[in-house]
C-alpha atoms as a PDB file:
ATOM      1  CA  UNK A   1       0.928 -11.505  20.343  1.00  0.00           C
ATOM      2  CA  UNK A   2       0.893  -9.652  17.067  1.00  0.00           C
ATOM      3  CA  UNK A   3       2.815 -11.125  14.346  1.00  0.00           C
ATOM      4  CA  UNK A   4       5.978  -8.736  13.130  1.00  0.00           C
ATOM      5  CA  UNK A   5       4.944  -6.740   9.888  1.00  0.00           C
ATOM      6  CA  UNK A   6       6.390  -3.787   8.070  1.00  0.00           C
ATOM      7  CA  UNK A   7       4.773  -1.227   5.785  1.00  0.00           C
ATOM      8  CA  UNK A   8       6.396   1.604   3.323  1.00  0.00           C
ATOM      9  CA  UNK A   9       5.636   4.835   4.933  1.00  0.00           C
ATOM     10  CA  UNK A  10       7.866   8.350   4.519  1.00  0.00           C
ATOM     11  CA  UNK A  11       9.872   9.826   6.796  1.00  0.00           C
ATOM     12  CA  UNK A  12      10.238  13.645   5.580  1.00  0.00           C
ATOM     13  CA  UNK A  13      11.712  13.292   2.545  1.00  0.00           C
ATOM     14  CA  UNK A  14      12.986   9.789   2.695  1.00  0.00           C
ATOM     15  CA  UNK A  15      11.235   6.906   2.327  1.00  0.00           C
ATOM     16  CA  UNK A  16      11.197   4.285   4.812  1.00  0.00           C
ATOM     17  CA  UNK A  17      10.208   0.936   6.146  1.00  0.00           C
ATOM     18  CA  UNK A  18       8.071   0.752   9.725  1.00  0.00           C
ATOM     19  CA  UNK A  19       8.020  -2.466  11.520  1.00  0.00           C
ATOM     20  CA  UNK A  20       5.011  -3.024  13.638  1.00  0.00           C
ATOM     21  CA  UNK A  21       3.980  -5.997  15.927  1.00  0.00           C
ATOM     22  CA  UNK A  22       6.021  -8.781  17.919  1.00  0.00           C
ATOM     23  CA  UNK A  23      10.041  -9.917  16.483  1.00  0.00           C
ATOM     24  CA  UNK A  24       9.705 -13.597  17.689  1.00  0.00           C
ATOM     25  CA  UNK A  25      11.204 -16.697  15.817  1.00  0.00           C
ATOM     26  CA  UNK A  26       8.315 -15.974  13.045  1.00  0.00           C
ATOM     27  CA  UNK A  27       9.976 -12.872  12.114  1.00  0.00           C
ATOM     28  CA  UNK A  28      10.774 -13.224   8.166  1.00  0.00           C
ATOM     29  CA  UNK A  29      13.451 -10.182   7.459  1.00  0.00           C
ATOM     30  CA  UNK A  30      13.868 -11.146   4.206  1.00  0.00           C
ATOM     31  CA  UNK A  31      11.707  -8.811   2.521  1.00  0.00           C
ATOM     32  CA  UNK A  32      13.354  -5.813   4.081  1.00  0.00           C
ATOM     33  CA  UNK A  33      17.393  -7.319   3.146  1.00  0.00           C
ATOM     34  CA  UNK A  34      15.992  -7.209  -0.585  1.00  0.00           C
ATOM     35  CA  UNK A  35      13.956  -3.842  -0.620  1.00  0.00           C
ATOM     36  CA  UNK A  36      16.267  -1.446  -2.654  1.00  0.00           C
ATOM     37  CA  UNK A  37      15.997   1.257  -0.249  1.00  0.00           C
ATOM     38  CA  UNK A  38      19.874   2.583   0.257  1.00  0.00           C
ATOM     39  CA  UNK A  39      20.399   3.536   3.251  1.00  0.00           C
ATOM     40  CA  UNK A  40      17.908   1.085   4.840  1.00  0.00           C
ATOM     41  CA  UNK A  41      15.493   3.092   6.960  1.00  0.00           C
ATOM     42  CA  UNK A  42      13.872   1.515   9.569  1.00  0.00           C
ATOM     43  CA  UNK A  43      10.929   3.592  11.885  1.00  0.00           C
ATOM     44  CA  UNK A  44      10.999   0.928  14.451  1.00  0.00           C
ATOM     45  CA  UNK A  45       7.942   2.900  16.359  1.00  0.00           C
ATOM     46  CA  UNK A  46       5.577   0.096  16.585  1.00  0.00           C
ATOM     47  CA  UNK A  47       7.976  -2.963  17.838  1.00  0.00           C
ATOM     48  CA  UNK A  48       5.734  -3.975  20.768  1.00  0.00           C
ATOM     49  CA  UNK A  49       8.341  -6.484  22.047  1.00  0.00           C
ATOM     50  CA  UNK A  50      11.296  -8.432  21.376  1.00  0.00           C
ATOM     51  CA  UNK A  51      11.644 -12.540  22.054  1.00  0.00           C
ATOM     52  CA  UNK A  52      14.760 -14.386  22.714  1.00  0.00           C
ATOM     53  CA  UNK A  53      14.691 -15.834  19.749  1.00  0.00           C
ATOM     54  CA  UNK A  54      13.651 -12.495  17.993  1.00  0.00           C
ATOM     55  CA  UNK A  55      16.644 -11.584  18.777  1.00  0.00           C
ATOM     56  CA  UNK A  56      18.347 -14.004  17.728  1.00  0.00           C
ATOM     57  CA  UNK A  57      16.738 -13.298  14.196  1.00  0.00           C
ATOM     58  CA  UNK A  58      17.313  -9.506  14.622  1.00  0.00           C
ATOM     59  CA  UNK A  59      20.912 -10.383  15.457  1.00  0.00           C
ATOM     60  CA  UNK A  60      21.134 -12.087  12.000  1.00  0.00           C
ATOM     61  CA  UNK A  61      19.359  -9.394  10.024  1.00  0.00           C
ATOM     62  CA  UNK A  62      21.958  -6.523  10.739  1.00  0.00           C
ATOM     63  CA  UNK A  63      25.311  -8.909  10.252  1.00  0.00           C
ATOM     64  CA  UNK A  64      23.785  -9.590   6.876  1.00  0.00           C
ATOM     65  CA  UNK A  65      22.871  -6.397   5.961  1.00  0.00           C
ATOM     66  CA  UNK A  66      26.903  -5.210   7.433  1.00  0.00           C
ATOM     67  CA  UNK A  67      27.874  -8.101   5.800  1.00  0.00           C
ATOM     68  CA  UNK A  68      26.267  -6.084   2.470  1.00  0.00           C
ATOM     69  CA  UNK A  69      28.201  -3.051   3.298  1.00  0.00           C
ATOM     70  CA  UNK A  70      24.572  -1.960   3.106  1.00  0.00           C
ATOM     71  CA  UNK A  71      24.093   1.413   6.072  1.00  0.00           C
ATOM     72  CA  UNK A  72      21.479   0.681   8.250  1.00  0.00           C
ATOM     73  CA  UNK A  73      19.309   3.944   9.801  1.00  0.00           C
ATOM     74  CA  UNK A  74      16.787   3.506  12.477  1.00  0.00           C
ATOM     75  CA  UNK A  75      14.277   5.578  13.581  1.00  0.00           C
ATOM     76  CA  UNK A  76      12.119   6.296  16.430  1.00  0.00           C
ATOM     77  CA  UNK A  77      13.254   3.015  18.544  1.00  0.00           C
ATOM     78  CA  UNK A  78      10.892   1.565  20.611  1.00  0.00           C
ATOM     79  CA  UNK A  79      11.732   0.670  24.291  1.00  0.00           C
ATOM     80  CA  UNK A  80      11.884  -2.925  23.260  1.00  0.00           C
ATOM     81  CA  UNK A  81      14.717  -2.082  21.343  1.00  0.00           C
ATOM     82  CA  UNK A  82      16.385   0.015  23.252  1.00  0.00           C
ATOM     83  CA  UNK A  83      16.149  -2.138  26.192  1.00  0.00           C
ATOM     84  CA  UNK A  84      18.176  -4.668  24.351  1.00  0.00           C
ATOM     85  CA  UNK A  85      20.429  -2.954  22.803  1.00  0.00           C
ATOM     86  CA  UNK A  86      21.298  -1.773  26.131  1.00  0.00           C
ATOM     87  CA  UNK A  87      22.132  -5.158  27.469  1.00  0.00           C
ATOM     88  CA  UNK A  88      23.082  -7.094  23.910  1.00  0.00           C
ATOM     89  CA  UNK A  89      26.518  -6.104  22.201  1.00  0.00           C
ATOM     90  CA  UNK A  90      26.387  -5.077  18.721  1.00  0.00           C
ATOM     91  CA  UNK A  91      22.618  -5.415  18.822  1.00  0.00           C
ATOM     92  CA  UNK A  92      22.947  -2.463  16.381  1.00  0.00           C
ATOM     93  CA  UNK A  93      25.343  -4.053  14.408  1.00  0.00           C
ATOM     94  CA  UNK A  94      26.926  -0.730  12.726  1.00  0.00           C
ATOM     95  CA  UNK A  95      23.165   1.323  12.625  1.00  0.00           C
ATOM     96  CA  UNK A  96      22.931   4.692  12.897  1.00  0.00           C
ATOM     97  CA  UNK A  97      19.928   5.071  15.222  1.00  0.00           C
ATOM     98  CA  UNK A  98      18.655   9.084  14.806  1.00  0.00           C
ATOM     99  CA  UNK A  99      15.920   8.567  17.613  1.00  0.00           C
ATOM    100  CA  UNK A 100      14.992   6.602  20.183  1.00  0.00           C
ATOM    101  CA  UNK A 101      11.193   6.664  21.322  1.00  0.00           C
ATOM    102  CA  UNK A 102      11.604   7.276  25.863  1.00  0.00           C
ATOM    103  CA  UNK A 103       7.961   6.602  27.996  1.00  0.00           C
ATOM    104  CA  UNK A 104       6.923   9.988  29.484  1.00  0.00           C
ATOM    105  CA  UNK A 105       4.361  10.201  32.407  1.00  0.00           C
ATOM    106  CA  UNK A 106       2.757  13.674  33.472  1.00  0.00           C
ATOM    107  CA  UNK A 107       1.563  13.062  37.046  1.00  0.00           C
ATOM    108  CA  UNK A 108      -0.292  16.458  37.180  1.00  0.00           C
ATOM    109  CA  UNK A 109      -2.513  15.015  34.727  1.00  0.00           C
ATOM    110  CA  UNK A 110      -2.126  11.173  34.723  1.00  0.00           C
ATOM    111  CA  UNK A 111      -1.051  11.277  30.729  1.00  0.00           C
ATOM    112  CA  UNK A 112       1.506   8.977  29.651  1.00  0.00           C
ATOM    113  CA  UNK A 113       3.056   8.732  26.303  1.00  0.00           C
ATOM    114  CA  UNK A 114       5.902   7.726  24.480  1.00  0.00           C
ATOM    115  CA  UNK A 115       8.343  11.053  23.487  1.00  0.00           C
ATOM    116  CA  UNK A 116      10.786  10.835  20.592  1.00  0.00           C
ATOM    117  CA  UNK A 117      14.281  11.831  21.530  1.00  0.00           C
ATOM    118  CA  UNK A 118      16.739  12.841  18.800  1.00  0.00           C
ATOM    119  CA  UNK A 119      19.918  11.008  19.273  1.00  0.00           C
ATOM    120  CA  UNK A 120      23.133  13.598  20.620  1.00  0.00           C
ATOM    121  CA  UNK A 121      24.651  13.139  16.738  1.00  0.00           C
ATOM    122  CA  UNK A 122      21.490  14.206  15.095  1.00  0.00           C
ATOM    123  CA  UNK A 123      20.344  16.948  17.221  1.00  0.00           C
ATOM    124  CA  UNK A 124      19.816  20.022  15.188  1.00  0.00           C
ATOM    125  CA  UNK A 125      22.731  22.049  16.014  1.00  0.00           C
ATOM    126  CA  UNK A 126      21.765  25.227  18.435  1.00  0.00           C
ATOM    127  CA  UNK A 127      21.961  28.722  16.833  1.00  0.00           C
END
């Protein structure tokens, strides 16, 4: 198990924080709440798993962000986060989801990877 961590990065021209590791009872979201980024942009590509205690910590985090009136943008939501979002009401709070990661497997070449899927709201308009 890898403890949750974060690091600063860029997503295009936008500054963001990349979350990594496992979200558990040890997850500390205080530094994210203290971040000056507005909107708070989180890249969830490196999240490995989230357990039930981690869900509680995450829900507390998104409630605090919403209560502060801060916009939250989620990029490249890892499958573990997508799974929880599909099961738990208000898991995303008021977050704007720009993309999710979906497992992709090619039977012909035996290649497995995660494919980034933009949300419908954020897809480029057809020409």
